[in-house]
Amino acid sequence: MLQGHPQGWLIPEQAIGDLLSLARLNCGRCMPG
């Protein structure tokens, strides 16, 4: 299953930052600031 995607379970800090940024943009309505 994980062949070709060894980093599938490893979430780098950069990816987490991107997810947080997207969360702020998508949930900017319910999350002020």
Protein backbone atom coordinates (compact mmCIF):
# COMPACT_ATOMS: atom_id res chain seq x y z
CA MET A 1 0.00 0.00 0.00
CA LEU A 2 2.72 2.43 1.00
CA GLN A 3 4.92 1.63 -1.99
CA GLY A 4 5.83 4.85 -3.80
CA HIS A 5 4.48 6.89 -0.89
CA PRO A 6 6.96 6.48 1.98
CA GLN A 7 6.24 9.99 3.20
CA GLY A 8 2.50 9.37 3.37
CA TRP A 9 2.59 8.88 7.13
CA LEU A 10 5.36 11.39 7.74
CA ILE A 11 3.94 14.91 7.97
CA PRO A 12 6.69 17.54 7.70
CA GLU A 13 6.36 20.80 9.60
CA GLN A 14 6.00 22.63 6.29
CA ALA A 15 2.97 20.52 5.37
CA ILE A 16 1.41 21.21 8.78
CA GLY A 17 1.95 24.94 8.25
CA ASP A 18 0.23 24.72 4.87
CA LEU A 19 -2.71 22.88 6.42
CA LEU A 20 -3.02 25.54 9.12
CA SER A 21 -2.93 28.27 6.47
CA LEU A 22 -5.64 26.53 4.45
CA ALA A 23 -7.70 26.05 7.60
CA ARG A 24 -7.53 29.78 8.31
CA LEU A 25 -8.58 30.61 4.77
CA ASN A 26 -11.38 28.04 4.65
CA CYS A 27 -12.60 28.64 8.18
CA GLY A 28 -11.91 32.36 8.21
CA ARG A 29 -15.59 32.94 8.92
CA CYS A 30 -15.81 30.99 12.17
CA MET A 31 -12.24 31.77 13.24
CA PRO A 32 -11.79 35.55 13.61
CA GLY A 33 -8.27 36.89 13.37
